[in-house]
C-alpha atoms as a PDB file:
ATOM      1  CA  MET A   1     -12.504  35.754  47.876  1.00  0.00           C
ATOM      2  CA  LYS A   2      -9.508  35.924  45.557  1.00  0.00           C
ATOM      3  CA  ASN A   3      -9.009  32.137  45.812  1.00  0.00           C
ATOM      4  CA  LEU A   4     -12.698  31.554  45.139  1.00  0.00           C
ATOM      5  CA  LEU A   5     -12.567  33.711  41.992  1.00  0.00           C
ATOM      6  CA  THR A   6      -9.471  31.856  40.835  1.00  0.00           C
ATOM      7  CA  LEU A   7     -11.207  28.507  41.258  1.00  0.00           C
ATOM      8  CA  ILE A   8     -14.243  29.743  39.331  1.00  0.00           C
ATOM      9  CA  CYS A   9     -12.038  30.956  36.464  1.00  0.00           C
ATOM     10  CA  ILE A  10     -10.170  27.659  36.297  1.00  0.00           C
ATOM     11  CA  SER A  11     -13.452  25.774  36.313  1.00  0.00           C
ATOM     12  CA  LEU A  12     -14.839  27.881  33.479  1.00  0.00           C
ATOM     13  CA  LEU A  13     -11.638  27.507  31.481  1.00  0.00           C
ATOM     14  CA  PHE A  14     -11.694  23.711  31.883  1.00  0.00           C
ATOM     15  CA  THR A  15     -15.347  23.577  30.855  1.00  0.00           C
ATOM     16  CA  SER A  16     -14.623  25.723  27.820  1.00  0.00           C
ATOM     17  CA  CYS A  17     -11.632  23.639  26.756  1.00  0.00           C
ATOM     18  CA  ASN A  18     -13.509  20.406  27.314  1.00  0.00           C
ATOM     19  CA  GLY A  19     -16.360  21.715  25.197  1.00  0.00           C
ATOM     20  CA  LYS A  20     -13.992  22.634  22.376  1.00  0.00           C
ATOM     21  CA  SER A  21     -12.444  19.157  22.476  1.00  0.00           C
ATOM     22  CA  GLN A  22     -15.884  17.563  22.377  1.00  0.00           C
ATOM     23  CA  ASN A  23     -16.950  19.806  19.493  1.00  0.00           C
ATOM     24  CA  LYS A  24     -13.813  18.920  17.561  1.00  0.00           C
ATOM     25  CA  THR A  25     -14.551  15.193  17.965  1.00  0.00           C
ATOM     26  CA  GLU A  26     -18.164  15.707  16.918  1.00  0.00           C
ATOM     27  CA  THR A  27     -17.107  17.773  13.901  1.00  0.00           C
ATOM     28  CA  THR A  28     -14.705  15.062  12.741  1.00  0.00           C
ATOM     29  CA  SER A  29     -17.415  12.431  13.142  1.00  0.00           C
ATOM     30  CA  ASN A  30     -19.989  14.533  11.319  1.00  0.00           C
ATOM     31  CA  SER A  31     -17.519  15.167   8.502  1.00  0.00           C
ATOM     32  CA  ALA A  32     -16.926  11.453   8.042  1.00  0.00           C
ATOM     33  CA  GLU A  33     -20.657  10.818   7.775  1.00  0.00           C
ATOM     34  CA  THR A  34     -21.115  13.703   5.353  1.00  0.00           C
ATOM     35  CA  TYR A  35     -18.588  12.304   2.904  1.00  0.00           C
ATOM     36  CA  ALA A  36     -19.537   8.657   3.409  1.00  0.00           C
ATOM     37  CA  GLU A  37     -22.990   9.566   2.106  1.00  0.00           C
ATOM     38  CA  LYS A  38     -21.379  10.349  -1.245  1.00  0.00           C
ATOM     39  CA  ILE A  39     -20.722   6.609  -1.615  1.00  0.00           C
ATOM     40  CA  THR A  40     -23.932   5.306  -3.164  1.00  0.00           C
ATOM     41  CA  ALA A  41     -25.299   2.043  -4.476  1.00  0.00           C
ATOM     42  CA  LYS A  42     -26.293   3.895  -7.650  1.00  0.00           C
ATOM     43  CA  ASN A  43     -22.737   4.961  -8.485  1.00  0.00           C
ATOM     44  CA  LEU A  44     -21.259   1.610  -7.507  1.00  0.00           C
ATOM     45  CA  LYS A  45     -23.713  -0.123  -9.815  1.00  0.00           C
ATOM     46  CA  LYS A  46     -23.091   2.285 -12.672  1.00  0.00           C
ATOM     47  CA  ASN A  47     -19.332   1.741 -12.564  1.00  0.00           C
ATOM     48  CA  LEU A  48     -19.509  -2.011 -12.007  1.00  0.00           C
ATOM     49  CA  TYR A  49     -21.791  -2.585 -14.989  1.00  0.00           C
ATOM     50  CA  ILE A  50     -19.062  -0.966 -17.081  1.00  0.00           C
ATOM     51  CA  TYR A  51     -16.073  -2.549 -15.352  1.00  0.00           C
ATOM     52  CA  ALA A  52     -17.490  -6.078 -15.370  1.00  0.00           C
ATOM     53  CA  SER A  53     -18.940  -5.835 -18.878  1.00  0.00           C
ATOM     54  CA  ASP A  54     -18.081  -8.103 -21.792  1.00  0.00           C
ATOM     55  CA  GLU A  55     -16.121  -5.216 -23.308  1.00  0.00           C
ATOM     56  CA  PHE A  56     -13.329  -5.812 -20.786  1.00  0.00           C
ATOM     57  CA  GLU A  57     -13.138  -9.525 -21.685  1.00  0.00           C
ATOM     58  CA  GLY A  58     -12.596 -10.757 -18.147  1.00  0.00           C
ATOM     59  CA  ARG A  59      -9.562  -8.482 -17.567  1.00  0.00           C
ATOM     60  CA  GLY A  60      -6.985 -11.237 -18.043  1.00  0.00           C
ATOM     61  CA  THR A  61      -3.517 -10.009 -17.031  1.00  0.00           C
ATOM     62  CA  GLY A  62      -1.766  -8.306 -19.932  1.00  0.00           C
ATOM     63  CA  GLU A  63      -4.652  -8.922 -22.339  1.00  0.00           C
ATOM     64  CA  PRO A  64      -6.571  -6.267 -24.337  1.00  0.00           C
ATOM     65  CA  GLY A  65      -9.534  -6.295 -21.929  1.00  0.00           C
ATOM     66  CA  GLN A  66      -7.266  -5.580 -18.985  1.00  0.00           C
ATOM     67  CA  LYS A  67      -5.745  -2.682 -20.914  1.00  0.00           C
ATOM     68  CA  LYS A  68      -9.240  -1.250 -21.372  1.00  0.00           C
ATOM     69  CA  ALA A  69      -9.846  -1.688 -17.644  1.00  0.00           C
ATOM     70  CA  VAL A  70      -6.793   0.312 -16.598  1.00  0.00           C
ATOM     71  CA  GLU A  71      -7.732   3.080 -19.017  1.00  0.00           C
ATOM     72  CA  PHE A  72     -11.175   3.183 -17.389  1.00  0.00           C
ATOM     73  CA  LEU A  73      -9.562   3.575 -13.961  1.00  0.00           C
ATOM     74  CA  LYS A  74      -7.194   6.257 -15.180  1.00  0.00           C
ATOM     75  CA  ASP A  75     -10.019   8.200 -16.831  1.00  0.00           C
ATOM     76  CA  PHE A  76     -11.994   8.093 -13.573  1.00  0.00           C
ATOM     77  CA  TYR A  77      -9.149   9.618 -11.587  1.00  0.00           C
ATOM     78  CA  VAL A  78      -8.446  12.248 -14.224  1.00  0.00           C
ATOM     79  CA  ALA A  79     -12.135  13.201 -14.364  1.00  0.00           C
ATOM     80  CA  ASN A  80     -12.234  13.584 -10.588  1.00  0.00           C
ATOM     81  CA  ASN A  81      -8.942  15.509 -10.440  1.00  0.00           C
ATOM     82  CA  ILE A  82      -7.272  12.895  -8.234  1.00  0.00           C
ATOM     83  CA  PRO A  83      -3.569  12.871  -9.183  1.00  0.00           C
ATOM     84  CA  SER A  84      -1.024  10.108  -9.611  1.00  0.00           C
ATOM     85  CA  PRO A  85       1.912   9.841  -7.187  1.00  0.00           C
ATOM     86  CA  ILE A  86       4.181   8.650 -10.012  1.00  0.00           C
ATOM     87  CA  ALA A  87       4.177  11.693 -12.312  1.00  0.00           C
ATOM     88  CA  GLU A  88       1.599  14.104 -13.629  1.00  0.00           C
ATOM     89  CA  GLY A  89      -0.782  12.212 -15.886  1.00  0.00           C
ATOM     90  CA  ASN A  90       1.045   8.888 -15.428  1.00  0.00           C
ATOM     91  CA  TYR A  91      -1.150   6.528 -13.405  1.00  0.00           C
ATOM     92  CA  PHE A  92       0.461   3.273 -14.547  1.00  0.00           C
ATOM     93  CA  GLN A  93       3.220   1.392 -12.770  1.00  0.00           C
ATOM     94  CA  LYS A  94       4.517  -1.045 -15.365  1.00  0.00           C
ATOM     95  CA  VAL A  95       4.822  -4.658 -14.250  1.00  0.00           C
ATOM     96  CA  PRO A  96       7.030  -6.222 -16.935  1.00  0.00           C
ATOM     97  CA  ALA A  97       6.457  -9.621 -18.475  1.00  0.00           C
ATOM     98  CA  SER A  98       9.859 -10.686 -17.140  1.00  0.00           C
ATOM     99  CA  PHE A  99       8.452 -10.399 -13.603  1.00  0.00           C
ATOM    100  CA  LEU A 100       5.268 -12.321 -14.396  1.00  0.00           C
ATOM    101  CA  PRO A 101       4.664 -16.045 -15.005  1.00  0.00           C
ATOM    102  CA  SER A 102       5.891 -17.339 -18.356  1.00  0.00           C
ATOM    103  CA  GLY A 103       3.633 -16.449 -21.248  1.00  0.00           C
ATOM    104  CA  THR A 104       2.102 -13.415 -19.541  1.00  0.00           C
ATOM    105  CA  LYS A 105       2.386 -10.051 -21.275  1.00  0.00           C
ATOM    106  CA  ASP A 106       3.423  -6.753 -19.719  1.00  0.00           C
ATOM    107  CA  SER A 107       0.827  -5.392 -17.343  1.00  0.00           C
ATOM    108  CA  GLU A 108       0.393  -2.447 -15.006  1.00  0.00           C
ATOM    109  CA  ASN A 109      -0.796  -1.377 -11.591  1.00  0.00           C
ATOM    110  CA  VAL A 110      -2.907   1.788 -11.393  1.00  0.00           C
ATOM    111  CA  LEU A 111      -2.048   4.330  -8.697  1.00  0.00           C
ATOM    112  CA  ALA A 112      -3.749   7.520  -7.529  1.00  0.00           C
ATOM    113  CA  TYR A 113      -3.430   9.406  -4.263  1.00  0.00           C
ATOM    114  CA  ILE A 114      -4.473  12.282  -2.056  1.00  0.00           C
ATOM    115  CA  LYS A 115      -1.644  14.016  -0.268  1.00  0.00           C
ATOM    116  CA  GLY A 116      -1.934  14.321   3.493  1.00  0.00           C
ATOM    117  CA  SER A 117      -2.428  17.805   4.911  1.00  0.00           C
ATOM    118  CA  GLU A 118      -0.367  17.307   8.078  1.00  0.00           C
ATOM    119  CA  LYS A 119       1.531  14.007   7.786  1.00  0.00           C
ATOM    120  CA  PRO A 120       2.096  13.650   4.033  1.00  0.00           C
ATOM    121  CA  ASP A 121       4.995  11.215   4.406  1.00  0.00           C
ATOM    122  CA  GLU A 122       2.834   8.675   6.255  1.00  0.00           C
ATOM    123  CA  ILE A 123       0.900   6.505   3.793  1.00  0.00           C
ATOM    124  CA  LEU A 124      -2.362   4.618   4.163  1.00  0.00           C
ATOM    125  CA  VAL A 125      -2.913   2.162   1.298  1.00  0.00           C
ATOM    126  CA  ILE A 126      -6.341   1.072   0.077  1.00  0.00           C
ATOM    127  CA  SER A 127      -5.914  -1.797  -2.375  1.00  0.00           C
ATOM    128  CA  ALA A 128      -7.889  -4.105  -4.661  1.00  0.00           C
ATOM    129  CA  HIS A 129      -6.937  -6.193  -7.664  1.00  0.00           C
ATOM    130  CA  LEU A 130      -8.021  -4.965 -11.075  1.00  0.00           C
ATOM    131  CA  ASP A 131      -7.558  -8.220 -13.006  1.00  0.00           C
ATOM    132  CA  HIS A 132      -9.620 -11.384 -13.340  1.00  0.00           C
ATOM    133  CA  ILE A 133      -9.253 -14.711 -15.197  1.00  0.00           C
ATOM    134  CA  GLY A 134     -10.158 -13.559 -18.696  1.00  0.00           C
ATOM    135  CA  VAL A 135     -11.903 -15.665 -21.328  1.00  0.00           C
ATOM    136  CA  SER A 136     -12.510 -19.413 -20.898  1.00  0.00           C
ATOM    137  CA  SER A 137     -11.238 -21.891 -23.477  1.00  0.00           C
ATOM    138  CA  ASN A 138     -14.781 -22.211 -24.868  1.00  0.00           C
ATOM    139  CA  GLY A 139     -15.037 -18.453 -25.354  1.00  0.00           C
ATOM    140  CA  ASP A 140     -17.091 -17.594 -22.254  1.00  0.00           C
ATOM    141  CA  ILE A 141     -16.140 -14.300 -20.615  1.00  0.00           C
ATOM    142  CA  ASN A 142     -15.419 -14.377 -16.892  1.00  0.00           C
ATOM    143  CA  ASN A 143     -16.673 -10.898 -15.989  1.00  0.00           C
ATOM    144  CA  GLY A 144     -15.496 -11.001 -12.363  1.00  0.00           C
ATOM    145  CA  ALA A 145     -18.155  -8.650 -11.035  1.00  0.00           C
ATOM    146  CA  ASP A 146     -17.577  -9.697  -7.435  1.00  0.00           C
ATOM    147  CA  ASP A 147     -13.985 -10.847  -7.965  1.00  0.00           C
ATOM    148  CA  ASP A 148     -12.789  -8.159  -7.862  1.00  0.00           C
ATOM    149  CA  GLY A 149     -14.936  -5.680  -9.691  1.00  0.00           C
ATOM    150  CA  SER A 150     -16.700  -5.001  -6.402  1.00  0.00           C
ATOM    151  CA  GLY A 151     -13.466  -4.036  -4.643  1.00  0.00           C
ATOM    152  CA  THR A 152     -12.318  -1.975  -7.605  1.00  0.00           C
ATOM    153  CA  VAL A 153     -15.413   0.213  -7.819  1.00  0.00           C
ATOM    154  CA  ALA A 154     -15.460   0.493  -4.024  1.00  0.00           C
ATOM    155  CA  ILE A 155     -12.028   2.137  -4.142  1.00  0.00           C
ATOM    156  CA  LEU A 156     -13.221   4.564  -6.809  1.00  0.00           C
ATOM    157  CA  GLU A 157     -16.107   5.686  -4.608  1.00  0.00           C
ATOM    158  CA  ILE A 158     -13.871   5.957  -1.540  1.00  0.00           C
ATOM    159  CA  ALA A 159     -11.362   8.040  -3.484  1.00  0.00           C
ATOM    160  CA  LYS A 160     -14.102  10.362  -4.722  1.00  0.00           C
ATOM    161  CA  ALA A 161     -15.406  10.817  -1.165  1.00  0.00           C
ATOM    162  CA  PHE A 162     -11.953  11.720   0.166  1.00  0.00           C
ATOM    163  CA  LYS A 163     -11.465  14.114  -2.747  1.00  0.00           C
ATOM    164  CA  ALA A 164     -14.719  15.873  -1.871  1.00  0.00           C
ATOM    165  CA  ALA A 165     -13.476  16.244   1.698  1.00  0.00           C
ATOM    166  CA  GLU A 166     -10.179  17.668   0.462  1.00  0.00           C
ATOM    167  CA  LEU A 167     -11.971  20.225  -1.699  1.00  0.00           C
ATOM    168  CA  ASP A 168     -13.891  21.342   1.397  1.00  0.00           C
ATOM    169  CA  GLY A 169     -10.666  21.789   3.351  1.00  0.00           C
ATOM    170  CA  LYS A 170     -11.148  18.551   5.294  1.00  0.00           C
ATOM    171  CA  GLY A 171      -8.680  16.323   3.488  1.00  0.00           C
ATOM    172  CA  PRO A 172      -6.906  13.478   5.294  1.00  0.00           C
ATOM    173  CA  LYS A 173      -3.965  14.271   7.562  1.00  0.00           C
ATOM    174  CA  ARG A 174      -2.019  11.301   6.170  1.00  0.00           C
ATOM    175  CA  SER A 175      -1.600  10.568   2.491  1.00  0.00           C
ATOM    176  CA  ILE A 176      -3.851   7.909   0.996  1.00  0.00           C
ATOM    177  CA  LEU A 177      -2.714   5.698  -1.882  1.00  0.00           C
ATOM    178  CA  PHE A 178      -5.456   4.135  -3.988  1.00  0.00           C
ATOM    179  CA  LEU A 179      -3.707   1.070  -5.348  1.00  0.00           C
ATOM    180  CA  HIS A 180      -5.256  -1.109  -8.051  1.00  0.00           C
ATOM    181  CA  VAL A 181      -2.954  -4.079  -8.560  1.00  0.00           C
ATOM    182  CA  THR A 182      -2.731  -6.426 -11.504  1.00  0.00           C
ATOM    183  CA  ALA A 183      -1.969 -10.149 -11.724  1.00  0.00           C
ATOM    184  CA  GLU A 184      -3.554 -11.135  -8.417  1.00  0.00           C
ATOM    185  CA  GLU A 185      -5.170 -14.138 -10.048  1.00  0.00           C
ATOM    186  CA  ILE A 186      -1.795 -15.501 -11.122  1.00  0.00           C
ATOM    187  CA  GLY A 187      -0.023 -15.268  -7.787  1.00  0.00           C
ATOM    188  CA  LEU A 188      -0.417 -11.785  -6.235  1.00  0.00           C
ATOM    189  CA  GLN A 189       2.186 -10.530  -8.680  1.00  0.00           C
ATOM    190  CA  GLY A 190       1.125  -6.891  -9.021  1.00  0.00           C
ATOM    191  CA  SER A 191       1.141  -6.241  -5.284  1.00  0.00           C
ATOM    192  CA  LYS A 192       4.399  -8.178  -4.967  1.00  0.00           C
ATOM    193  CA  TYR A 193       5.961  -5.937  -7.604  1.00  0.00           C
ATOM    194  CA  TYR A 194       4.829  -2.861  -5.672  1.00  0.00           C
ATOM    195  CA  THR A 195       6.105  -4.050  -2.292  1.00  0.00           C
ATOM    196  CA  ASP A 196       9.225  -5.999  -3.299  1.00  0.00           C
ATOM    197  CA  VAL A 197      10.513  -4.175  -6.378  1.00  0.00           C
ATOM    198  CA  GLU A 198       9.187  -0.649  -6.743  1.00  0.00           C
ATOM    199  CA  PRO A 199       7.318   0.782  -3.764  1.00  0.00           C
ATOM    200  CA  ILE A 200       6.353   4.289  -4.834  1.00  0.00           C
ATOM    201  CA  PHE A 201       6.245   5.267  -1.161  1.00  0.00           C
ATOM    202  CA  PRO A 202       8.749   3.765   1.330  1.00  0.00           C
ATOM    203  CA  LEU A 203       7.307   0.728   3.060  1.00  0.00           C
ATOM    204  CA  GLU A 204       8.640   1.980   6.390  1.00  0.00           C
ATOM    205  CA  ASN A 205       6.285   4.973   5.991  1.00  0.00           C
ATOM    206  CA  THR A 206       3.274   2.828   5.082  1.00  0.00           C
ATOM    207  CA  VAL A 207       1.060   2.650   8.148  1.00  0.00           C
ATOM    208  CA  THR A 208      -1.670   0.192   7.062  1.00  0.00           C
ATOM    209  CA  ASP A 209      -3.113  -1.589   4.027  1.00  0.00           C
ATOM    210  CA  LEU A 210      -6.876  -1.971   3.727  1.00  0.00           C
ATOM    211  CA  ASN A 211      -7.418  -4.600   1.025  1.00  0.00           C
ATOM    212  CA  ILE A 212     -10.803  -5.159  -0.615  1.00  0.00           C
ATOM    213  CA  ASP A 213     -11.321  -8.415  -2.499  1.00  0.00           C
ATOM    214  CA  MET A 214     -14.931  -9.507  -3.143  1.00  0.00           C
ATOM    215  CA  ILE A 215     -17.487  -7.480  -1.143  1.00  0.00           C
ATOM    216  CA  GLY A 216     -20.564  -7.556  -3.387  1.00  0.00           C
ATOM    217  CA  ARG A 217     -22.196 -10.919  -2.746  1.00  0.00           C
ATOM    218  CA  VAL A 218     -23.571 -13.143   0.036  1.00  0.00           C
ATOM    219  CA  ASP A 219     -22.193 -16.615   0.757  1.00  0.00           C
ATOM    220  CA  ASP A 220     -24.260 -19.659   1.756  1.00  0.00           C
ATOM    221  CA  LYS A 221     -23.559 -19.179   5.458  1.00  0.00           C
ATOM    222  CA  HIS A 222     -25.183 -15.739   5.507  1.00  0.00           C
ATOM    223  CA  GLU A 223     -27.931 -16.260   2.913  1.00  0.00           C
ATOM    224  CA  GLY A 224     -31.081 -14.412   3.942  1.00  0.00           C
ATOM    225  CA  GLY A 225     -29.393 -12.725   6.892  1.00  0.00           C
ATOM    226  CA  ASP A 226     -28.271  -9.222   7.776  1.00  0.00           C
ATOM    227  CA  ASN A 227     -25.360  -7.473   6.137  1.00  0.00           C
ATOM    228  CA  TYR A 228     -22.007  -8.909   7.185  1.00  0.00           C
ATOM    229  CA  LEU A 229     -18.381  -9.033   6.132  1.00  0.00           C
ATOM    230  CA  TYR A 230     -15.490 -11.369   6.803  1.00  0.00           C
ATOM    231  CA  LEU A 231     -12.458  -9.565   8.221  1.00  0.00           C
ATOM    232  CA  ILE A 232      -9.105 -11.273   7.984  1.00  0.00           C
ATOM    233  CA  GLY A 233      -5.771 -10.186   9.413  1.00  0.00           C
ATOM    234  CA  SER A 234      -6.896  -7.208  11.477  1.00  0.00           C
ATOM    235  CA  ASP A 235      -5.238  -8.532  14.655  1.00  0.00           C
ATOM    236  CA  LYS A 236      -2.323 -10.425  13.098  1.00  0.00           C
ATOM    237  CA  LEU A 237       0.188  -7.586  13.407  1.00  0.00           C
ATOM    238  CA  SER A 238      -1.615  -4.898  15.387  1.00  0.00           C
ATOM    239  CA  GLN A 239      -4.219  -5.428  18.084  1.00  0.00           C
ATOM    240  CA  GLU A 240      -4.779  -1.687  18.008  1.00  0.00           C
ATOM    241  CA  LEU A 241      -5.810  -1.873  14.335  1.00  0.00           C
ATOM    242  CA  HIS A 242      -8.343  -4.559  15.212  1.00  0.00           C
ATOM    243  CA  ASP A 243      -9.699  -2.445  18.068  1.00  0.00           C
ATOM    244  CA  VAL A 244      -9.985   0.630  15.831  1.00  0.00           C
ATOM    245  CA  SER A 245     -11.772  -1.423  13.181  1.00  0.00           C
ATOM    246  CA  GLU A 246     -14.259  -2.802  15.701  1.00  0.00           C
ATOM    247  CA  ALA A 247     -14.949   0.636  17.174  1.00  0.00           C
ATOM    248  CA  VAL A 248     -15.484   2.232  13.755  1.00  0.00           C
ATOM    249  CA  ASN A 249     -17.883  -0.508  12.711  1.00  0.00           C
ATOM    250  CA  LYS A 250     -19.881  -0.190  15.936  1.00  0.00           C
ATOM    251  CA  LYS A 251     -20.039   3.593  15.671  1.00  0.00           C
ATOM    252  CA  TYR A 252     -21.079   3.938  12.046  1.00  0.00           C
ATOM    253  CA  VAL A 253     -22.518   0.845  10.331  1.00  0.00           C
ATOM    254  CA  ASN A 254     -22.708  -2.066  12.784  1.00  0.00           C
ATOM    255  CA  LEU A 255     -22.153  -4.867  10.294  1.00  0.00           C
ATOM    256  CA  ASP A 256     -21.855  -8.451  11.501  1.00  0.00           C
ATOM    257  CA  LEU A 257     -18.084  -8.876  11.342  1.00  0.00           C
ATOM    258  CA  ASP A 258     -17.244 -12.548  10.885  1.00  0.00           C
ATOM    259  CA  TYR A 259     -13.728 -13.727  11.826  1.00  0.00           C
ATOM    260  CA  THR A 260     -14.117 -17.359  10.764  1.00  0.00           C
ATOM    261  CA  TYR A 261     -11.386 -17.108   8.131  1.00  0.00           C
ATOM    262  CA  ASN A 262      -9.043 -15.243  10.474  1.00  0.00           C
ATOM    263  CA  ASP A 263      -8.367 -18.497  12.307  1.00  0.00           C
ATOM    264  CA  GLU A 264      -4.797 -19.681  11.714  1.00  0.00           C
ATOM    265  CA  ASN A 265      -6.141 -23.230  11.427  1.00  0.00           C
ATOM    266  CA  ASP A 266      -8.721 -22.420   8.765  1.00  0.00           C
ATOM    267  CA  PRO A 267      -7.934 -24.686   5.791  1.00  0.00           C
ATOM    268  CA  ASN A 268      -8.784 -21.991   3.202  1.00  0.00           C
ATOM    269  CA  ARG A 269      -5.768 -19.904   4.272  1.00  0.00           C
ATOM    270  CA  PHE A 270      -7.338 -16.758   2.815  1.00  0.00           C
ATOM    271  CA  TYR A 271      -4.914 -14.605   4.791  1.00  0.00           C
ATOM    272  CA  TYR A 272      -2.203 -15.684   2.360  1.00  0.00           C
ATOM    273  CA  ARG A 273      -4.322 -15.498  -0.787  1.00  0.00           C
ATOM    274  CA  SER A 274      -4.936 -11.824  -1.514  1.00  0.00           C
ATOM    275  CA  ASP A 275      -2.810  -8.738  -2.024  1.00  0.00           C
ATOM    276  CA  HIS A 276      -2.715  -7.556   1.580  1.00  0.00           C
ATOM    277  CA  TYR A 277      -0.316 -10.412   2.313  1.00  0.00           C
ATOM    278  CA  ASN A 278       2.504  -8.749   0.378  1.00  0.00           C
ATOM    279  CA  PHE A 279       2.203  -5.819   2.798  1.00  0.00           C
ATOM    280  CA  ALA A 280       1.799  -8.025   5.867  1.00  0.00           C
ATOM    281  CA  LYS A 281       4.998  -9.925   5.110  1.00  0.00           C
ATOM    282  CA  HIS A 282       6.769  -6.552   5.446  1.00  0.00           C
ATOM    283  CA  ASN A 283       5.194  -6.056   8.902  1.00  0.00           C
ATOM    284  CA  ILE A 284       2.616  -3.555   7.692  1.00  0.00           C
ATOM    285  CA  PRO A 285      -0.713  -3.992   9.518  1.00  0.00           C
ATOM    286  CA  VAL A 286      -3.544  -5.069   7.218  1.00  0.00           C
ATOM    287  CA  ILE A 287      -7.253  -5.728   7.025  1.00  0.00           C
ATOM    288  CA  PHE A 288      -8.683  -7.964   4.306  1.00  0.00           C
ATOM    289  CA  TYR A 289     -12.392  -7.345   3.561  1.00  0.00           C
ATOM    290  CA  PHE A 290     -14.160 -10.345   2.001  1.00  0.00           C
ATOM    291  CA  ASN A 291     -17.708 -11.665   1.513  1.00  0.00           C
ATOM    292  CA  GLY A 292     -16.693 -15.312   1.129  1.00  0.00           C
ATOM    293  CA  THR A 293     -16.975 -17.526  -1.923  1.00  0.00           C
ATOM    294  CA  HIS A 294     -20.178 -18.489  -3.739  1.00  0.00           C
ATOM    295  CA  ASP A 295     -21.357 -20.725  -6.580  1.00  0.00           C
ATOM    296  CA  ASP A 296     -20.296 -18.168  -9.215  1.00  0.00           C
ATOM    297  CA  TYR A 297     -16.725 -17.834  -7.935  1.00  0.00           C
ATOM    298  CA  HIS A 298     -14.303 -17.939 -10.909  1.00  0.00           C
ATOM    299  CA  LYS A 299     -17.113 -18.681 -13.335  1.00  0.00           C
ATOM    300  CA  PRO A 300     -18.663 -16.726 -16.237  1.00  0.00           C
ATOM    301  CA  SER A 301     -21.763 -16.387 -14.053  1.00  0.00           C
ATOM    302  CA  ASP A 302     -20.044 -13.876 -11.717  1.00  0.00           C
ATOM    303  CA  THR A 303     -21.978 -11.006 -13.311  1.00  0.00           C
ATOM    304  CA  PRO A 304     -23.007  -7.527 -12.075  1.00  0.00           C
ATOM    305  CA  ASP A 305     -26.726  -8.344 -11.953  1.00  0.00           C
ATOM    306  CA  LYS A 306     -26.047 -10.678  -9.007  1.00  0.00           C
ATOM    307  CA  ILE A 307     -24.408  -8.063  -6.794  1.00  0.00           C
ATOM    308  CA  ASN A 308     -26.256  -6.886  -3.686  1.00  0.00           C
ATOM    309  CA  TYR A 309     -25.693  -3.160  -4.187  1.00  0.00           C
ATOM    310  CA  GLU A 310     -27.286  -2.130  -0.897  1.00  0.00           C
ATOM    311  CA  PHE A 311     -24.857  -4.379   0.953  1.00  0.00           C
ATOM    312  CA  LEU A 312     -21.990  -3.186  -1.248  1.00  0.00           C
ATOM    313  CA  GLU A 313     -22.739   0.447  -0.392  1.00  0.00           C
ATOM    314  CA  THR A 314     -22.622  -0.180   3.368  1.00  0.00           C
ATOM    315  CA  ARG A 315     -19.516  -2.354   3.151  1.00  0.00           C
ATOM    316  CA  THR A 316     -17.744   0.307   1.085  1.00  0.00           C
ATOM    317  CA  ARG A 317     -18.698   2.919   3.644  1.00  0.00           C
ATOM    318  CA  LEU A 318     -17.208   0.745   6.395  1.00  0.00           C
ATOM    319  CA  VAL A 319     -13.854   0.744   4.588  1.00  0.00           C
ATOM    320  CA  PHE A 320     -14.155   4.506   4.072  1.00  0.00           C
ATOM    321  CA  TYR A 321     -14.892   5.153   7.763  1.00  0.00           C
ATOM    322  CA  THR A 322     -11.966   2.943   8.795  1.00  0.00           C
ATOM    323  CA  ALA A 323      -9.669   4.754   6.370  1.00  0.00           C
ATOM    324  CA  TRP A 324     -10.937   8.112   7.639  1.00  0.00           C
ATOM    325  CA  GLU A 325     -10.042   7.164  11.216  1.00  0.00           C
ATOM    326  CA  LEU A 326      -6.626   5.749  10.289  1.00  0.00           C
ATOM    327  CA  ALA A 327      -5.758   8.741   8.110  1.00  0.00           C
ATOM    328  CA  ASN A 328      -6.749  11.341  10.696  1.00  0.00           C
ATOM    329  CA  ARG A 329      -5.875   9.892  14.120  1.00  0.00           C
ATOM    330  CA  GLU A 330      -2.919  11.401  15.964  1.00  0.00           C
ATOM    331  CA  ASN A 331      -0.629   8.345  15.752  1.00  0.00           C
ATOM    332  CA  PRO A 332      -0.489   5.350  13.397  1.00  0.00           C
ATOM    333  CA  VAL A 333      -1.739   2.088  14.851  1.00  0.00           C
ATOM    334  CA  LYS A 334       0.971   0.309  16.815  1.00  0.00           C
ATOM    335  CA  LEU A 335       2.745  -2.715  15.421  1.00  0.00           C
ATOM    336  CA  ASP A 336       2.725  -5.470  18.053  1.00  0.00           C
END
């Protein structure tokens, strides 16, 4: 009888513990969905119509319009009480003219972050470039709504969602750096300055970079189809990162993830053409989110009225869900 009672107690204890574990998983999942819902097409559109407006004059590196753009980003983070990791009130990492191509003026990266609650020294980076190609020789403004206004406003919404979670006591376990880099259009210079010259957080503590560059449009291949996104680089350095990314997508949004441009033999070589590459070359696992090129690429016609905001909302949420998983899982993804 004593042995029978012991077995019953053990069984009940196991069931109880298993239930708690299941509830914890469900709570984490429910929390992610709660805060992802704060990312809306309405807010993305509101911010992009400002960020890709004529007022910012195409955000050419070092030019007056780009200076207005970085002030807009700073004001957003101040308004949402999301601090800078550099110093209180200082969101700008100066990228001097001496580092940039000849004839380019001083510029700046914009940095904000949320400190991790349990693993603050481990850093997840979410990046996008804040610049574009400025004003054409004939005076036309290249607004760069998709390139990369879409990625820029996506980061703002993701940051706001994580801040809401933090205020509710559900902030990320790892620290998250929201990194808006300059001078991408002239050779990935802003991200190179961050990784090669002045990393605010040690690169050896940086667990992953999620880079967003053009996620607001639809290319010819997918015209008239379901929502999709090209993913590049997810399996280059960490198969585990790729597996996490796939699982998150399947669980939450189920986009058509297209790996065409992930092929080493693809002639476009997009893996080497956006800011994630400056992290990848330091053996930091990366994912590059991309909608492909279109007829308005690098033209004055890349305007905010042509963005698919419903698609942009879901794509932004995918990045948020992936960041949520990477920031809160027990161990960083393994480097192969």
